[in-house]
Protein backbone atom coordinates (compact mmCIF):
# COMPACT_ATOMS: atom_id res chain seq x y z
CA UNK A 1 31.58 77.64 16.63
CA UNK A 2 34.37 75.07 16.85
CA UNK A 3 37.84 76.63 16.91
CA UNK A 4 40.93 74.57 17.76
CA UNK A 5 44.68 75.20 17.81
CA UNK A 6 47.50 72.68 17.92
CA UNK A 7 51.29 72.77 17.82
CA UNK A 8 53.18 72.71 14.55
CA UNK A 9 55.33 69.66 13.78
CA UNK A 10 58.92 70.02 14.97
CA UNK A 11 60.36 70.59 11.49
CA UNK A 12 58.15 73.68 11.01
CA UNK A 13 58.40 75.28 14.45
CA UNK A 14 61.06 77.89 13.62
CA UNK A 15 58.54 79.33 11.15
CA UNK A 16 55.08 78.24 12.33
CA UNK A 17 53.45 79.38 15.59
CA UNK A 18 50.56 76.91 15.39
CA UNK A 19 47.99 75.27 13.15
CA UNK A 20 44.28 75.83 13.63
CA UNK A 21 40.91 74.74 12.33
CA UNK A 22 37.57 76.49 12.39
CA UNK A 23 34.04 75.29 11.75
CA UNK A 24 31.23 77.78 12.21
CA UNK A 25 27.64 78.18 11.01
CA UNK A 26 26.61 80.83 8.53
CA UNK A 27 26.09 84.18 10.20
CA UNK A 28 23.42 86.81 9.83
CA UNK A 29 25.98 89.49 10.72
CA UNK A 30 29.66 90.02 9.89
CA UNK A 31 32.39 88.88 12.27
CA UNK A 32 35.18 91.11 13.53
CA UNK A 33 38.79 89.95 13.87
CA UNK A 34 41.52 92.06 15.48
CA UNK A 35 45.23 92.10 14.56
CA UNK A 36 47.60 89.94 16.59
CA UNK A 37 50.94 90.48 14.80
CA UNK A 38 50.84 87.08 13.07
CA UNK A 39 50.41 86.35 9.37
CA UNK A 40 48.44 83.30 8.28
CA UNK A 41 48.05 80.99 5.31
CA UNK A 42 44.42 79.84 5.18
CA UNK A 43 42.65 77.18 3.12
CA UNK A 44 38.85 77.01 2.96
CA UNK A 45 37.39 73.55 2.62
CA UNK A 46 33.89 75.04 2.41
CA UNK A 47 32.58 78.30 1.00
CA UNK A 48 35.00 81.18 1.78
CA UNK A 49 33.60 84.14 3.71
CA UNK A 50 33.26 87.62 2.25
CA UNK A 51 35.65 90.36 3.36
CA UNK A 52 35.03 94.11 3.61
CA UNK A 53 37.53 96.32 1.79
CA UNK A 54 38.75 99.77 2.80
CA UNK A 55 35.82 101.38 0.96
CA UNK A 56 33.25 99.31 2.83
CA UNK A 57 32.46 97.00 -0.09
CA UNK A 58 31.96 93.27 0.44
CA UNK A 59 33.96 90.91 -1.78
CA UNK A 60 34.08 87.12 -1.92
CA UNK A 61 37.39 85.59 -0.89
CA UNK A 62 39.23 82.87 -2.76
CA UNK A 63 39.60 79.31 -1.50
CA UNK A 64 43.19 79.82 -0.35
CA UNK A 65 44.67 83.06 0.83
CA UNK A 66 47.34 84.85 2.81
CA UNK A 67 46.28 87.08 5.70
CA UNK A 68 49.06 89.64 5.91
CA UNK A 69 49.86 91.89 8.85
CA UNK A 70 46.89 93.99 9.85
CA UNK A 71 46.83 97.22 11.84
CA UNK A 72 43.09 97.52 12.27
CA UNK A 73 39.96 95.40 12.60
CA UNK A 74 39.07 93.01 9.78
CA UNK A 75 35.42 92.39 8.92
CA UNK A 76 34.42 88.96 7.60
CA UNK A 77 30.97 87.68 6.72
CA UNK A 78 30.35 83.93 6.58
CA UNK A 79 27.24 83.76 4.40
CA UNK A 80 27.60 79.98 4.30
CA UNK A 81 29.02 77.61 6.94
CA UNK A 82 32.77 77.97 7.51
CA UNK A 83 35.22 75.09 7.38
CA UNK A 84 38.86 76.12 7.13
CA UNK A 85 42.42 75.30 8.11
CA UNK A 86 45.05 77.86 9.03
CA UNK A 87 48.79 77.96 9.42
CA UNK A 88 49.84 80.83 11.71
CA UNK A 89 53.39 82.03 11.20
CA UNK A 90 55.83 83.13 13.85
CA UNK A 91 56.05 86.95 13.75
CA UNK A 92 59.69 86.97 12.65
CA UNK A 93 58.88 84.41 9.93
CA UNK A 94 56.22 86.52 8.22
CA UNK A 95 58.28 86.76 5.01
CA UNK A 96 58.96 83.01 4.88
CA UNK A 97 56.68 82.26 1.91
CA UNK A 98 56.96 85.56 0.04
CA UNK A 99 59.44 88.41 -0.26
CA UNK A 100 59.77 91.12 2.36
CA UNK A 101 58.72 93.69 -0.25
CA UNK A 102 55.51 91.82 -0.98
CA UNK A 103 54.84 91.35 2.72
CA UNK A 104 54.97 95.10 3.35
CA UNK A 105 52.88 95.84 0.23
CA UNK A 106 50.19 93.42 1.45
CA UNK A 107 49.74 95.00 4.90
CA UNK A 108 46.10 95.37 5.99
CA UNK A 109 45.00 92.92 3.28
CA UNK A 110 43.77 89.36 2.99
CA UNK A 111 45.23 88.34 -0.35
CA UNK A 112 43.66 85.69 -2.55
CA UNK A 113 46.30 83.35 -4.00
CA UNK A 114 46.24 82.06 -7.55
CA UNK A 115 46.49 78.63 -9.12
CA UNK A 116 50.28 78.66 -8.72
CA UNK A 117 49.74 78.20 -4.97
CA UNK A 118 47.48 75.17 -5.33
CA UNK A 119 50.30 72.82 -4.32
CA UNK A 120 50.83 74.82 -1.13
CA UNK A 121 47.12 74.67 -0.33
CA UNK A 122 47.03 70.92 -0.94
CA UNK A 123 50.08 70.42 1.27
CA UNK A 124 48.29 72.11 4.16
CA UNK A 125 45.10 70.13 3.58
CA UNK A 126 47.01 66.84 3.46
CA UNK A 127 49.36 67.85 6.30
CA UNK A 128 52.25 67.27 3.90
CA UNK A 129 54.89 68.87 6.07
CA UNK A 130 57.78 68.03 3.75
CA UNK A 131 56.27 70.07 0.92
CA UNK A 132 55.56 72.99 3.24
CA UNK A 133 59.09 72.83 4.66
CA UNK A 134 60.54 72.94 1.14
CA UNK A 135 58.68 76.19 0.44
CA UNK A 136 59.93 77.93 3.56
CA UNK A 137 62.93 80.18 3.16
CA UNK A 138 65.94 80.56 5.45
CA UNK A 139 65.29 80.36 9.21
CA UNK A 140 64.02 83.61 10.73
CA UNK A 141 66.43 86.32 11.84
CA UNK A 142 67.40 85.26 15.37
CA UNK A 143 67.70 88.85 16.62
CA UNK A 144 64.20 89.70 15.36
CA UNK A 145 62.85 86.49 16.89
CA UNK A 146 64.29 87.69 20.22
CA UNK A 147 62.80 91.16 19.66
CA UNK A 148 59.32 89.73 19.05
CA UNK A 149 59.61 87.39 22.02
CA UNK A 150 60.55 90.29 24.30
CA UNK A 151 57.67 92.47 23.06
CA UNK A 152 55.31 89.51 23.52
CA UNK A 153 56.55 88.93 27.07
CA UNK A 154 56.18 92.63 27.89
CA UNK A 155 52.78 92.92 26.14
CA UNK A 156 54.33 95.60 23.94
CA UNK A 157 55.40 97.75 26.90
CA UNK A 158 58.81 98.80 25.63
CA UNK A 159 60.18 101.68 23.62
CA UNK A 160 62.01 100.85 20.41
CA UNK A 161 65.15 102.44 21.81
CA UNK A 162 65.01 100.26 24.94
CA UNK A 163 64.40 97.18 22.79
CA UNK A 164 67.40 97.95 20.59
CA UNK A 165 69.62 98.51 23.64
CA UNK A 166 68.46 95.22 25.20
CA UNK A 167 69.35 93.34 22.00
CA UNK A 168 72.61 95.19 21.43
CA UNK A 169 71.46 96.51 18.05
CA UNK A 170 71.54 99.94 16.54
CA UNK A 171 68.16 101.62 16.33
CA UNK A 172 68.08 101.87 12.54
CA UNK A 173 69.33 98.31 12.13
CA UNK A 174 66.56 96.98 14.38
CA UNK A 175 63.87 98.99 12.61
CA UNK A 176 64.94 97.89 9.13
CA UNK A 177 65.42 94.22 9.98
CA UNK A 178 62.18 94.11 11.96
CA UNK A 179 60.12 95.58 9.11
CA UNK A 180 61.60 93.16 6.56
CA UNK A 181 61.01 90.10 8.74
CA UNK A 182 57.70 90.93 10.44
CA UNK A 183 55.99 93.27 7.97
CA UNK A 184 55.42 95.85 10.72
CA UNK A 185 57.65 98.38 12.43
CA UNK A 186 58.63 97.56 16.03
CA UNK A 187 56.34 100.36 17.23
CA UNK A 188 53.38 98.99 15.25
CA UNK A 189 54.01 95.48 16.58
CA UNK A 190 54.19 96.79 20.15
CA UNK A 191 50.85 98.58 19.70
CA UNK A 192 49.24 95.35 18.52
CA UNK A 193 50.62 93.40 21.47
CA UNK A 194 49.17 96.02 23.84
CA UNK A 195 45.84 95.64 22.03
CA UNK A 196 45.91 91.87 22.53
CA UNK A 197 46.79 92.29 26.22
CA UNK A 198 43.85 94.66 26.63
CA UNK A 199 41.50 92.26 24.85
CA UNK A 200 42.53 89.45 27.22
CA UNK A 201 41.96 91.64 30.26
CA UNK A 202 38.58 92.89 29.05
CA UNK A 203 37.52 89.37 28.06
CA UNK A 204 38.48 88.15 31.53
CA UNK A 205 36.09 90.72 32.99
CA UNK A 206 38.53 93.27 34.39
CA UNK A 207 36.47 95.40 36.78
CA UNK A 208 38.15 98.72 36.02
CA UNK A 209 38.88 100.04 32.55
CA UNK A 210 41.54 102.27 34.09
CA UNK A 211 43.21 99.22 35.68
CA UNK A 212 43.03 97.29 32.41
CA UNK A 213 44.62 100.22 30.56
CA UNK A 214 47.39 100.45 33.16
CA UNK A 215 48.09 96.70 33.13
CA UNK A 216 48.24 96.72 29.32
CA UNK A 217 50.89 99.44 29.36
CA UNK A 218 48.90 102.47 28.26
CA UNK A 219 49.87 105.82 29.74
CA UNK A 220 46.32 106.39 30.98
CA UNK A 221 42.71 105.55 30.15
CA UNK A 222 42.55 108.31 27.53
CA UNK A 223 45.56 106.78 25.75
CA UNK A 224 43.86 103.36 25.77
CA UNK A 225 40.66 104.92 24.44
CA UNK A 226 42.48 106.49 21.48
CA UNK A 227 44.53 103.41 20.62
CA UNK A 228 41.69 100.90 20.87
CA UNK A 229 39.31 103.14 18.96
CA UNK A 230 41.87 103.44 16.14
CA UNK A 231 42.52 99.68 15.92
CA UNK A 232 39.08 98.23 16.68
CA UNK A 233 36.56 100.99 15.99
CA UNK A 234 35.26 100.60 19.57
CA UNK A 235 35.98 102.32 22.86
CA UNK A 236 37.29 100.09 25.68
CA UNK A 237 33.89 100.20 27.36
CA UNK A 238 32.04 99.15 24.21
CA UNK A 239 34.66 96.52 23.45
CA UNK A 240 34.26 94.96 26.90
CA UNK A 241 30.47 95.06 26.53
CA UNK A 242 30.70 93.39 23.11
CA UNK A 243 32.93 90.61 24.46
CA UNK A 244 30.51 89.98 27.31
CA UNK A 245 27.54 90.00 24.92
CA UNK A 246 29.33 87.45 22.75
CA UNK A 247 29.16 85.04 25.68
CA UNK A 248 25.40 85.56 25.77
CA UNK A 249 24.76 84.99 22.09
CA UNK A 250 25.87 88.08 20.14
CA UNK A 251 28.03 86.45 17.47
CA UNK A 252 29.62 89.55 15.93
CA UNK A 253 32.71 89.10 18.15
CA UNK A 254 32.64 85.32 18.41
CA UNK A 255 35.51 84.84 15.97
CA UNK A 256 37.65 87.55 17.58
CA UNK A 257 36.98 86.09 21.02
CA UNK A 258 37.87 82.56 19.83
CA UNK A 259 41.28 83.75 18.63
CA UNK A 260 41.86 85.69 21.87
CA UNK A 261 41.01 82.63 23.95
CA UNK A 262 42.73 80.15 21.64
CA UNK A 263 39.74 77.85 21.63
């Protein structure tokens, strides 16, 4: 598997977290990808993978698609070799291409885009930044950018009330603006950032699950067990074992691990 990230051009940075490319062989088993609080626009140069829906059915993806905010594990199956490009949005810029209403409606989905988005797909393939910039809407809400940055820095370890007080915003104002910009509530985003912190700790080989849970901001190991099971389908112990097995050849978590490691 060859996964690579690089910085967005300066004109896109208020909206775009990074660009990435992925080449991977066909897999005998599905891959698992975990939510990270970022939406993505993805173009497949090769055969798109299949995706599992909420009823467990496998469906072929389209050549270009939008990966909206997810709150649980996503299952992908590359039945043919993968070759794709991705544009990962800043959290507060999640509604930059489409309306806030559509962003919320698309949660937990990877949405195939129609022929009307062909120009957008071609712009990404050709690295035509001017065309992409023209499609982006107003710059992200600065207060919500600051909210996301604080939750990122704290690995999600903040209450919504404390976050609102830090930003000088009313609680309801923060919640409404955050949902419109990010596609998740502040509490949901914080949960996902704690998940990502836990994944990094487990991937790094943290000796104690209790210590990993504490460092990631969970109240206790039982809290971590419940949260990770809900979002990944695995207990912390099984998740750590799966990440370690991935290093030794089990490819079911290879894609998730690549995104966690950024390489």
